[in-house]
Every structure is written in structure tokens, then in C-alpha cells.
Protein backbone atom coordinates (compact mmCIF):
# COMPACT_ATOMS: atom_id res chain seq x y z
CA UNK A 1 61.79 125.62 24.78
CA UNK A 2 62.78 122.48 22.92
CA UNK A 3 66.44 123.19 23.63
CA UNK A 4 65.74 123.56 27.34
CA UNK A 5 63.76 120.31 27.40
CA UNK A 6 66.56 118.52 25.54
CA UNK A 7 69.16 119.79 27.97
CA UNK A 8 66.97 118.76 30.91
CA UNK A 9 66.47 115.31 29.41
CA UNK A 10 70.22 114.90 28.88
CA UNK A 11 70.88 115.86 32.49
CA UNK A 12 68.30 113.36 33.80
CA UNK A 13 69.74 110.71 31.49
CA UNK A 14 73.30 111.36 32.80
CA UNK A 15 72.15 111.16 36.44
CA UNK A 16 70.27 107.92 35.65
CA UNK A 17 73.36 106.39 34.05
CA UNK A 18 75.53 107.36 37.03
CA UNK A 19 72.91 105.92 39.38
CA UNK A 20 72.76 102.61 37.53
CA UNK A 21 76.41 102.13 36.53
CA UNK A 22 78.03 103.51 39.70
CA UNK A 23 76.45 101.76 42.66
CA UNK A 24 78.34 103.98 45.09
CA UNK A 25 76.81 107.19 43.76
CA UNK A 26 73.80 107.22 46.10
CA UNK A 27 76.10 106.18 48.92
CA UNK A 28 78.39 109.16 48.27
CA UNK A 29 75.42 111.52 48.21
CA UNK A 30 74.08 110.02 51.40
CA UNK A 31 77.39 110.26 53.20
CA UNK A 32 77.87 113.86 52.03
CA UNK A 33 74.42 114.83 53.31
CA UNK A 34 75.04 113.06 56.60
CA UNK A 35 78.39 114.78 57.09
CA UNK A 36 76.90 118.16 56.19
CA UNK A 37 74.02 117.66 58.61
CA UNK A 38 76.38 116.56 61.39
CA UNK A 39 78.66 119.55 60.72
CA UNK A 40 75.82 122.07 60.87
CA UNK A 41 74.06 120.53 63.86
CA UNK A 42 76.97 119.34 66.02
CA UNK A 43 80.19 121.08 64.95
CA UNK A 44 79.25 124.65 64.05
CA UNK A 45 78.54 126.17 67.45
CA UNK A 46 79.01 129.42 69.25
CA UNK A 47 82.10 129.59 71.47
CA UNK A 48 81.46 128.96 75.17
CA UNK A 49 82.23 131.99 77.34
CA UNK A 50 83.04 131.22 80.97
CA UNK A 51 83.58 133.99 83.50
CA UNK A 52 82.66 134.77 87.08
CA UNK A 53 81.60 138.29 86.17
CA UNK A 54 78.33 139.19 84.44
CA UNK A 55 79.67 142.64 83.56
CA UNK A 56 82.74 141.04 81.96
CA UNK A 57 80.52 138.68 79.96
CA UNK A 58 78.29 141.55 78.82
CA UNK A 59 81.36 143.61 77.87
CA UNK A 60 82.89 140.81 75.77
CA UNK A 61 79.66 139.79 74.08
CA UNK A 62 78.89 143.39 73.21
CA UNK A 63 82.33 144.41 71.93
CA UNK A 64 83.49 141.06 70.50
CA UNK A 65 80.61 139.97 68.22
CA UNK A 66 82.56 136.88 67.14
CA UNK A 67 81.67 135.42 70.57
CA UNK A 68 77.95 135.35 69.79
CA UNK A 69 78.31 133.93 66.30
CA UNK A 70 78.67 130.31 65.24
CA UNK A 71 82.26 129.23 64.66
CA UNK A 72 82.67 127.16 61.50
CA UNK A 73 85.96 125.23 61.76
CA UNK A 74 87.63 124.20 58.50
CA UNK A 75 85.15 121.63 57.21
CA UNK A 76 87.63 119.15 55.74
CA UNK A 77 89.82 118.98 58.88
CA UNK A 78 87.79 116.09 60.24
CA UNK A 79 89.49 115.55 63.59
CA UNK A 80 91.50 117.48 66.12
CA UNK A 81 94.71 115.89 64.84
CA UNK A 82 93.87 116.67 61.21
CA UNK A 83 92.98 120.23 62.13
CA UNK A 84 96.27 120.71 63.96
CA UNK A 85 98.42 119.16 61.24
CA UNK A 86 96.73 120.68 58.19
CA UNK A 87 96.49 124.16 59.67
CA UNK A 88 100.15 123.94 60.67
CA UNK A 89 101.07 123.07 57.09
CA UNK A 90 99.06 126.01 55.79
CA UNK A 91 100.89 128.18 58.33
CA UNK A 92 103.92 127.94 56.06
CA UNK A 93 102.08 129.66 53.25
CA UNK A 94 102.08 132.03 51.51
CA UNK A 95 105.71 131.29 50.78
CA UNK A 96 107.99 134.26 51.02
CA UNK A 97 111.31 135.34 49.64
CA UNK A 98 114.05 135.89 52.22
CA UNK A 99 114.29 139.43 53.56
CA UNK A 100 117.62 141.15 52.88
CA UNK A 101 118.59 143.96 55.26
CA UNK A 102 121.73 146.03 54.75
CA UNK A 103 122.90 149.61 54.95
CA UNK A 104 124.57 149.40 51.54
CA UNK A 105 122.86 149.47 48.17
CA UNK A 106 125.98 148.12 46.47
CA UNK A 107 126.08 145.21 48.92
CA UNK A 108 122.40 144.44 48.28
CA UNK A 109 122.95 144.57 44.52
CA UNK A 110 126.02 142.33 44.83
CA UNK A 111 124.19 139.69 46.86
CA UNK A 112 121.02 139.68 44.78
CA UNK A 113 123.02 139.41 41.57
CA UNK A 114 125.46 136.69 42.65
CA UNK A 115 123.27 134.77 45.12
CA UNK A 116 120.08 133.96 43.18
CA UNK A 117 118.64 132.02 46.12
CA UNK A 118 117.94 135.41 47.72
CA UNK A 119 115.46 136.45 45.04
CA UNK A 120 113.56 133.16 44.95
CA UNK A 121 110.79 131.90 47.25
CA UNK A 122 112.12 129.72 50.04
CA UNK A 123 110.20 126.46 50.44
CA UNK A 124 110.77 125.22 54.02
CA UNK A 125 110.28 121.51 54.61
CA UNK A 126 106.51 121.27 54.47
CA UNK A 127 106.00 118.67 57.20
CA UNK A 128 108.27 120.35 59.76
CA UNK A 129 105.36 122.25 61.26
CA UNK A 130 107.11 124.34 63.89
CA UNK A 131 110.50 125.89 64.56
CA UNK A 132 111.32 123.13 67.06
CA UNK A 133 110.34 120.39 64.61
CA UNK A 134 112.35 122.07 61.87
CA UNK A 135 115.43 122.24 64.09
CA UNK A 136 115.20 118.67 65.37
CA UNK A 137 113.99 116.81 62.28
CA UNK A 138 116.35 118.49 59.83
CA UNK A 139 119.31 117.76 62.10
CA UNK A 140 118.37 114.12 62.65
CA UNK A 141 117.60 113.41 58.98
CA UNK A 142 120.88 114.92 57.83
CA UNK A 143 122.85 112.92 60.38
CA UNK A 144 121.23 109.73 59.10
CA UNK A 145 121.39 110.60 55.40
CA UNK A 146 124.91 111.98 55.14
CA UNK A 147 126.71 108.99 56.63
CA UNK A 148 130.44 109.24 57.22
CA UNK A 149 132.15 112.64 57.23
CA UNK A 150 134.69 113.50 54.51
CA UNK A 151 138.23 112.16 54.59
CA UNK A 152 139.89 115.08 56.34
CA UNK A 153 143.60 115.67 56.77
CA UNK A 154 144.35 116.54 60.39
CA UNK A 155 146.56 119.41 61.44
CA UNK A 156 147.44 120.06 65.11
CA UNK A 157 148.16 123.64 66.11
CA UNK A 158 150.01 124.08 69.41
CA UNK A 159 149.02 127.09 71.52
CA UNK A 160 151.17 129.26 73.83
CA UNK A 161 149.47 127.87 76.97
CA UNK A 162 150.42 124.29 76.07
CA UNK A 163 147.09 123.40 74.51
CA UNK A 164 146.20 122.00 71.10
CA UNK A 165 143.75 123.04 68.40
CA UNK A 166 142.80 120.37 65.90
CA UNK A 167 142.13 121.51 62.34
CA UNK A 168 140.57 119.20 59.76
CA UNK A 169 141.36 120.04 56.13
CA UNK A 170 139.36 119.09 53.07
CA UNK A 171 141.54 120.20 50.19
CA UNK A 172 140.69 120.43 46.51
CA UNK A 173 143.41 119.00 44.31
CA UNK A 174 144.12 120.07 40.77
CA UNK A 175 143.59 123.38 39.02
CA UNK A 176 140.38 125.29 39.46
CA UNK A 177 139.30 128.15 37.21
CA UNK A 178 138.62 131.20 39.35
CA UNK A 179 137.45 134.21 37.38
CA UNK A 180 140.31 134.87 35.00
CA UNK A 181 142.80 132.77 36.99
CA UNK A 182 143.68 129.12 37.46
CA UNK A 183 144.42 128.44 41.10
CA UNK A 184 147.17 126.09 42.13
CA UNK A 185 147.70 124.83 45.67
CA UNK A 186 149.34 128.09 46.78
CA UNK A 187 146.65 130.46 45.59
CA UNK A 188 143.50 128.35 46.03
CA UNK A 189 141.00 130.28 48.24
CA UNK A 190 140.33 128.83 51.69
CA UNK A 191 137.14 128.68 53.77
CA UNK A 192 137.56 128.41 57.54
CA UNK A 193 134.55 126.65 59.11
CA UNK A 194 133.57 127.13 62.78
CA UNK A 195 131.05 124.69 64.33
CA UNK A 196 128.41 125.35 66.97
CA UNK A 197 128.42 124.76 70.74
CA UNK A 198 129.03 121.00 70.71
CA UNK A 199 129.66 120.58 66.98
CA UNK A 200 132.83 119.44 65.24
CA UNK A 201 134.12 118.35 61.85
CA UNK A 202 132.05 115.16 62.00
CA UNK A 203 128.73 116.97 62.51
CA UNK A 204 126.49 116.72 59.44
CA UNK A 205 126.00 120.48 58.96
CA UNK A 206 129.75 121.10 59.32
CA UNK A 207 130.65 118.33 56.87
CA UNK A 208 128.17 119.83 54.40
CA UNK A 209 129.90 123.19 54.63
CA UNK A 210 133.28 121.57 54.04
CA UNK A 211 131.93 119.61 51.07
CA UNK A 212 130.27 122.77 49.77
CA UNK A 213 133.60 124.60 49.64
CA UNK A 214 135.19 121.57 47.96
CA UNK A 215 132.32 121.43 45.44
CA UNK A 216 133.02 125.02 44.45
CA UNK A 217 136.70 124.19 43.95
CA UNK A 218 138.02 125.73 47.16
CA UNK A 219 139.89 124.51 50.22
CA UNK A 220 137.92 123.95 53.43
CA UNK A 221 139.32 123.72 56.96
CA UNK A 222 137.27 123.00 60.09
CA UNK A 223 138.35 124.66 63.32
CA UNK A 224 137.41 122.17 66.07
CA UNK A 225 137.09 123.91 69.43
CA UNK A 226 139.37 122.60 72.15
CA UNK A 227 138.13 119.41 73.80
CA UNK A 228 135.53 118.59 71.12
CA UNK A 229 135.34 115.67 68.69
CA UNK A 230 136.77 113.31 71.31
CA UNK A 231 140.07 115.19 71.60
CA UNK A 232 141.64 115.43 75.06
CA UNK A 233 142.61 118.82 76.43
CA UNK A 234 146.28 119.46 77.08
CA UNK A 235 145.73 122.59 79.17
CA UNK A 236 143.05 123.96 81.51
CA UNK A 237 141.30 125.96 78.83
CA UNK A 238 138.30 125.17 76.65
CA UNK A 239 136.34 127.73 74.61
CA UNK A 240 133.70 130.41 75.03
CA UNK A 241 131.60 132.81 72.96
CA UNK A 242 133.42 135.98 74.03
CA UNK A 243 137.04 134.88 73.65
CA UNK A 244 138.60 135.15 70.18
CA UNK A 245 142.24 134.30 70.99
CA UNK A 246 142.13 130.80 69.49
CA UNK A 247 140.49 132.06 66.32
CA UNK A 248 143.23 134.67 65.97
CA UNK A 249 145.83 131.89 66.24
CA UNK A 250 144.05 129.76 63.65
CA UNK A 251 143.68 132.60 61.13
CA UNK A 252 147.38 133.48 61.53
CA UNK A 253 148.30 129.80 61.11
CA UNK A 254 146.29 129.42 57.90
CA UNK A 255 147.64 132.69 56.51
CA UNK A 256 151.18 131.50 57.26
CA UNK A 257 150.59 128.21 55.43
CA UNK A 258 148.98 129.89 52.41
CA UNK A 259 149.98 133.57 52.33
CA UNK A 260 148.88 133.99 48.71
CA UNK A 261 145.44 132.43 49.15
CA UNK A 262 142.44 134.59 50.08
CA UNK A 263 140.73 133.46 53.28
CA UNK A 264 137.13 133.82 54.42
CA UNK A 265 135.34 132.24 57.38
CA UNK A 266 131.86 130.90 58.14
CA UNK A 267 130.60 130.35 61.69
CA UNK A 268 127.46 128.53 62.81
CA UNK A 269 125.64 129.27 66.08
CA UNK A 270 128.36 129.60 68.76
CA UNK A 271 131.00 129.54 66.02
CA UNK A 272 129.18 132.46 64.40
CA UNK A 273 129.20 134.43 67.64
CA UNK A 274 132.94 133.94 68.06
CA UNK A 275 133.57 134.86 64.42
CA UNK A 276 131.41 138.00 64.61
CA UNK A 277 133.15 139.13 67.79
CA UNK A 278 136.54 138.47 66.19
CA UNK A 279 135.75 140.50 63.07
CA UNK A 280 134.39 143.34 65.22
CA UNK A 281 137.46 143.31 67.47
CA UNK A 282 140.18 143.30 64.81
CA UNK A 283 138.48 145.40 62.16
CA UNK A 284 140.30 145.44 58.85
CA UNK A 285 143.22 143.54 60.41
CA UNK A 286 141.17 140.36 60.87
CA UNK A 287 142.90 138.64 57.95
CA UNK A 288 139.63 137.71 56.21
CA UNK A 289 138.31 138.97 52.90
CA UNK A 290 134.74 138.30 54.11
CA UNK A 291 132.75 136.28 56.63
CA UNK A 292 129.38 134.59 57.05
CA UNK A 293 127.54 133.72 60.27
CA UNK A 294 124.50 131.46 60.57
CA UNK A 295 121.88 131.18 63.34
CA UNK A 296 123.79 133.32 65.83
CA UNK A 297 122.18 134.30 69.11
CA UNK A 298 122.48 138.08 68.78
CA UNK A 299 121.59 138.82 72.39
CA UNK A 300 122.93 135.96 74.52
CA UNK A 301 120.73 136.98 77.47
CA UNK A 302 117.56 136.66 75.37
CA UNK A 303 118.74 133.46 73.70
CA UNK A 304 119.49 131.86 77.07
CA UNK A 305 116.15 132.99 78.46
CA UNK A 306 114.33 131.44 75.49
CA UNK A 307 116.20 128.15 75.90
CA UNK A 308 115.15 127.98 79.55
CA UNK A 309 111.45 127.93 78.69
CA UNK A 310 109.98 124.56 79.63
CA UNK A 311 109.67 122.91 76.20
CA UNK A 312 112.92 124.37 74.88
CA UNK A 313 114.71 123.27 78.02
CA UNK A 314 113.55 119.68 77.55
CA UNK A 315 114.23 119.50 73.81
CA UNK A 316 117.43 121.48 73.43
CA UNK A 317 118.97 122.91 76.59
CA UNK A 318 119.50 119.63 78.41
CA UNK A 319 120.83 117.93 75.29
CA UNK A 320 123.40 120.67 74.70
CA UNK A 321 124.52 120.88 78.33
CA UNK A 322 124.92 117.10 78.34
CA UNK A 323 127.42 117.49 75.49
CA UNK A 324 129.29 120.15 77.45
CA UNK A 325 129.42 118.11 80.66
CA UNK A 326 130.51 115.03 78.72
CA UNK A 327 133.48 116.96 77.30
CA UNK A 328 134.29 118.30 80.77
CA UNK A 329 134.03 114.87 82.41
CA UNK A 330 136.42 113.41 79.83
CA UNK A 331 138.92 116.21 80.50
CA UNK A 332 138.33 116.88 84.19
CA UNK A 333 141.87 115.94 85.16
CA UNK A 334 143.20 119.23 83.75
CA UNK A 335 140.57 121.27 85.63
CA UNK A 336 140.74 119.56 89.01
CA UNK A 337 143.77 121.73 89.76
CA UNK A 338 142.00 124.92 88.60
CA UNK A 339 141.57 127.05 91.73
CA UNK A 340 138.30 128.76 90.75
CA UNK A 341 136.41 125.78 89.26
CA UNK A 342 134.39 123.22 91.21
CA UNK A 343 134.25 120.48 88.56
CA UNK A 344 131.71 118.33 90.40
CA UNK A 345 129.36 121.29 90.74
CA UNK A 346 129.77 122.17 87.05
CA UNK A 347 129.01 118.56 86.04
CA UNK A 348 125.65 118.82 87.81
CA UNK A 349 124.52 121.73 85.59
CA UNK A 350 121.15 121.14 83.92
CA UNK A 351 121.16 124.20 81.64
CA UNK A 352 123.69 126.08 79.56
CA UNK A 353 123.28 129.08 81.87
CA UNK A 354 124.22 127.01 84.90
CA UNK A 355 127.21 125.50 83.10
CA UNK A 356 128.42 128.93 82.01
CA UNK A 357 128.04 130.27 85.57
CA UNK A 358 129.81 127.34 87.23
CA UNK A 359 132.49 126.69 84.63
CA UNK A 360 132.90 128.80 81.46
CA UNK A 361 132.98 132.29 82.93
CA UNK A 362 135.36 131.15 85.71
CA UNK A 363 137.84 129.49 83.34
CA UNK A 364 137.99 132.66 81.25
CA UNK A 365 138.11 135.07 84.20
CA UNK A 366 134.81 136.93 83.86
CA UNK A 367 133.55 138.59 87.03
CA UNK A 368 130.03 137.26 86.63
CA UNK A 369 127.72 135.53 84.18
CA UNK A 370 126.28 138.92 83.27
CA UNK A 371 129.77 140.19 82.48
CA UNK A 372 130.45 137.16 80.26
CA UNK A 373 127.16 137.36 78.37
CA UNK A 374 127.51 141.10 77.88
CA UNK A 375 130.94 140.63 76.29
CA UNK A 376 129.67 137.70 74.20
CA UNK A 377 126.54 139.29 72.68
CA UNK A 378 127.13 140.24 69.01
CA UNK A 379 124.38 142.88 68.91
CA UNK A 380 126.68 145.20 70.87
CA UNK A 381 129.43 144.91 68.23
CA UNK A 382 127.45 145.74 65.07
CA UNK A 383 128.87 149.28 64.66
CA UNK A 384 132.47 147.94 64.79
CA UNK A 385 132.25 145.63 61.76
CA UNK A 386 134.56 146.80 58.96
CA UNK A 387 134.82 143.57 56.92
CA UNK A 388 131.95 142.36 54.69
CA UNK A 389 129.87 139.87 56.68
CA UNK A 390 126.69 138.05 55.70
CA UNK A 391 124.35 136.99 58.52
CA UNK A 392 121.60 134.37 58.12
CA UNK A 393 118.81 133.95 60.68
CA UNK A 394 115.33 132.45 60.69
CA UNK A 395 112.61 134.59 62.24
CA UNK A 396 111.37 131.57 64.22
CA UNK A 397 114.76 130.56 65.68
CA UNK A 398 114.20 129.97 69.40
CA UNK A 399 117.95 130.37 70.02
CA UNK A 400 117.69 133.94 68.73
CA UNK A 401 114.23 135.47 69.35
CA UNK A 402 113.10 137.78 66.58
CA UNK A 403 112.89 140.89 68.77
CA UNK A 404 116.54 140.43 69.81
CA UNK A 405 117.90 140.73 66.26
CA UNK A 406 119.43 144.23 65.81
CA UNK A 407 117.76 145.13 62.52
CA UNK A 408 118.03 148.91 62.95
CA UNK A 409 121.72 148.72 63.83
CA UNK A 410 122.43 146.51 60.82
CA UNK A 411 120.78 149.05 58.53
CA UNK A 412 123.33 151.64 59.69
CA UNK A 413 126.43 149.58 58.85
CA UNK A 414 127.16 149.11 55.12
CA UNK A 415 129.53 146.21 55.85
CA UNK A 416 126.78 143.94 57.20
CA UNK A 417 124.00 142.18 55.32
CA UNK A 418 121.31 140.31 57.26
CA UNK A 419 119.22 137.67 55.50
CA UNK A 420 116.08 136.55 57.33
CA UNK A 421 113.75 133.72 56.37
CA UNK A 422 110.28 133.46 57.90
CA UNK A 423 110.90 129.80 58.82
CA UNK A 424 113.90 127.55 59.23
CA UNK A 425 114.48 127.09 62.96
CA UNK A 426 118.02 126.84 64.30
CA UNK A 427 120.49 125.56 61.66
CA UNK A 428 117.48 123.93 59.99
CA UNK A 429 116.53 125.70 56.75
CA UNK A 430 115.17 122.43 55.31
CA UNK A 431 114.25 122.47 51.65
CA UNK A 432 110.76 121.46 50.50
CA UNK A 433 109.92 117.77 51.08
CA UNK A 434 113.28 116.27 52.04
CA UNK A 435 115.57 117.80 54.70
CA UNK A 436 118.35 115.60 53.34
CA UNK A 437 118.56 117.80 50.24
CA UNK A 438 120.79 120.86 50.10
CA UNK A 439 119.27 123.33 52.54
CA UNK A 440 118.70 127.03 51.99
CA UNK A 441 121.73 127.58 54.21
CA UNK A 442 123.89 125.31 52.04
CA UNK A 443 122.80 127.03 48.83
CA UNK A 444 123.32 130.56 50.14
CA UNK A 445 126.68 129.61 51.63
CA UNK A 446 127.99 128.11 48.39
CA UNK A 447 126.76 131.01 46.28
CA UNK A 448 128.17 133.59 48.69
CA UNK A 449 131.57 131.89 48.95
CA UNK A 450 131.84 131.68 45.18
CA UNK A 451 130.75 135.31 44.79
CA UNK A 452 133.31 136.55 47.34
CA UNK A 453 136.23 134.70 45.79
CA UNK A 454 135.31 135.52 42.19
CA UNK A 455 133.86 139.01 42.44
CA UNK A 456 134.93 140.20 45.89
CA UNK A 457 136.41 143.37 44.43
CA UNK A 458 132.82 144.58 43.98
CA UNK A 459 132.36 144.53 47.77
CA UNK A 460 133.68 147.23 50.06
CA UNK A 461 133.16 150.14 47.67
CA UNK A 462 131.27 152.07 50.32
CA UNK A 463 133.39 155.22 50.14
CA UNK A 464 132.73 155.50 46.41
CA UNK A 465 129.04 154.88 47.02
CA UNK A 466 128.90 157.64 49.64
CA UNK A 467 130.77 160.02 47.32
CA UNK A 468 128.27 159.39 44.51
CA UNK A 469 125.33 159.90 46.88
CA UNK A 470 126.79 163.18 48.14
CA UNK A 471 127.26 164.41 44.56
CA UNK A 472 123.62 163.59 43.80
CA UNK A 473 122.52 165.56 46.87
CA UNK A 474 124.62 168.56 45.81
CA UNK A 475 123.13 168.47 42.33
């Protein structure tokens, strides 16, 4: 009894001290009570059900009991703006590890062992609340933060039709220890980098890939599509997602320059589509030891349809088609003589679909836009891949809707590995607080490139894996 009285006295004494020495204490209590009263009386209310049908109202109220109960919104989200922002932030959690999908256990083991970023939680930039914000903000911040592109060495490749392909090299000078070998200039591994729709060697994400190869001690070369990066066209031909002729020329050119150096390629967005189609078309004769594609639109029909939704059209579609029409306007002199192309009509395109219908598919001889997009879509080529290829997509990428990604087909081909993050947008993959830091894409790319060039002999052992599995079944 005495102990209880003493404890009670100590409590009253503590409250008295707080009351006297902290003048704001009663104010805090008063404000808290006021807020609580306001919340209970004015905020926590039943939802309002509006319908022109009494039977519909009775049905909903009877079968959806949440409609006749008070709704208690998150108490510390004080305003509509706070509620939107804070709940969007919490949408990113719980954080998840990337999902790895492949038809090969040896490939999965290889990637998880040599690419540690795949077995760690991915922390997307916390204040990029949506896929669109992630795509836009990460791109803008990197452009501002990265400054000038690297000091490339330019190489001009002349094509059979009289055109030019501009390659920008970022070489690594000096010896580099590669496994048990020291590479000189002849044997140093090379990474071929393919930009997106309107990208080029000066784009921030492309420059990061080139610097990433250099950082690992390898040679990087950017394949600028014809007519991009301010370069004038020399022939009436540009580029498209379904045509791989220029890539074939570039790979042959690089292999001729450095026949003793292993070559792999990485393609982003449109560059990834072209690269995937090239690897599928040439099989084991593609000249690459491995490939990586990022943020590809697996089904071009679905990707185009998504980009033509109102918000996506305003934020992305018009911006991209402006880049395409700008390149065309600068080079229109070579297309004015093209019999099948109405340049003025093409320049009036307001979406990528319209531009492809009026210009791209005609330049490359496709019968219709449907014919072009059918030939361009990578999801149709999954069974034909015979070279190890790593694919990175975000589940919230509006350029490649989640339900258009051919997960089941990927699981049947041991040469393909698909990595999917829950967030990241299109070529976003921002890391934690600052998008200017190395992104998830940058980290995975560098680790994969290094793994391929150092331990690539561990890849492609599918026949041995099948033989072992068959022996286990027989036993």
C-alpha cells in the first residue's frame, strides 16, 4: 500500500513539474484533445452512397458492410495533399528483392552469385511516387547532375547504301587484370551500347553505361542510330525497331577491329528491342558472347496503346515524337525524293504510332503498321534466343505493361533471364534518396558485364544441365 502511494505521489509530482516547468504542456494536451475531438466528430464518417436505384443501394449496403461503417482515414495525414503524398510513399513498401525468372538453374545460380544486387532489397527513390514520376524525375536529375558526356573518340562506319553510322568509343588504356589474364588493347573486352528511341552517346543514361564499362576496365562503344545526335543523314534511311541490318554491320565492324576481344552488347528501350531481335535472328552466329536489354517494350502494340493514354500521351508520347520529327525535319532533303513518304504529313504526327504509320514503316517497306509492329515485337522471338541474354524490366513501366511481358515463354528458354523490379518506371530505377546516384540498372549492368567477361564459361552449359537432370530422373 505504501509502495503504491509512493508511486502515485511520484507520478503526481512529475506531472506537476512538467506543468510548471514546461508552459506548453497544457497547450499540447489541449491541442491533442481538440484534434482528437475534431477527428472523431468531423472526419470519421460513413462513406456517402449515391445511386438512382433503391435495390442497388440495399444490395451494396447488405453485401458490402464497409459502406455502413465509419471510415477512419490515416489520422496523421492531416490534409488531402499529405494523405496523397504519405500514402504514395508507403506504397513503395514493403521493399522487395528483384524477381529473377529463367528456365535455367545454372543461369540463376550464375547471376545470383556474380550479381549480388539481385539478392538484395531494391530501394527505389522514395519521393518518386509513381512510375511516371520515377521515369521523368530520374531522367531530369541525371541530365543535370552528370554534366558533359565522356570524351569519346568518333568512328564513322560507311554503309552499302551510302549512309553513315557514327560510333563513339570510350576506351580503357593500360593493362587490366581479367580473371587470370592481363588484357592489352587487342584482347580487352568490348561493350556495344545501343540507346533508346531518341537517345545517343550524349544522353545521361547512355554515358553512364559507357562510363560503367570503362570503370570495370573494359572498352565501351556507343552505336548512334542514323540521324541522331545532330548527325545529318547521307541516305534516305533512318532506323526502326524491326530492322537489324545496321546492328549486323556494326558488330562485324567491331569484330574486324578487335578479332581477339570478346564482345557483348547492351540495349536500352528501342535499342534493346533491336538487340533482342538481332540475337533472335542470328542465333549463335550473332557475334556476341552475351547481351543485356533494359526497359524493352515486349509487345509493341500494347506499349503503343499504353503511351496513347491521355496522361502518358501528354508526358511522354508527344515529347518523343517531337524528337523524331526534329530529326526528320533536319534531314528532310534526303526524303523529299522518297516516292512513298509524304514528309509534311509525317512532320504533323502527334504520336509515335502516327509517325511510324506515316514514315517509319514506309521507309522500311512494311505493308502496314500492324505488319511493322508484329515484326518488331520481341515477345514473338523468345523461343529463338540461343545466346545468353539478361532482360531488366520494372513492373510499373508504362512503356511495357506488366501483362505484356512474356513470363511463361521466358521460363521455357534457358538462354534468357528476366529480372523484374516492382518499381522503377522506364529507364528510371532510381536508388533511394538521390536519383543522381548509381541506379539499380547501372549496378546490375556493371556486375553482369564483369561476370560475363570473367566467368562467362559458366554460362551456356545447358546441355550438361539437361544431361544431369535426365540422369537423376532415370535413377
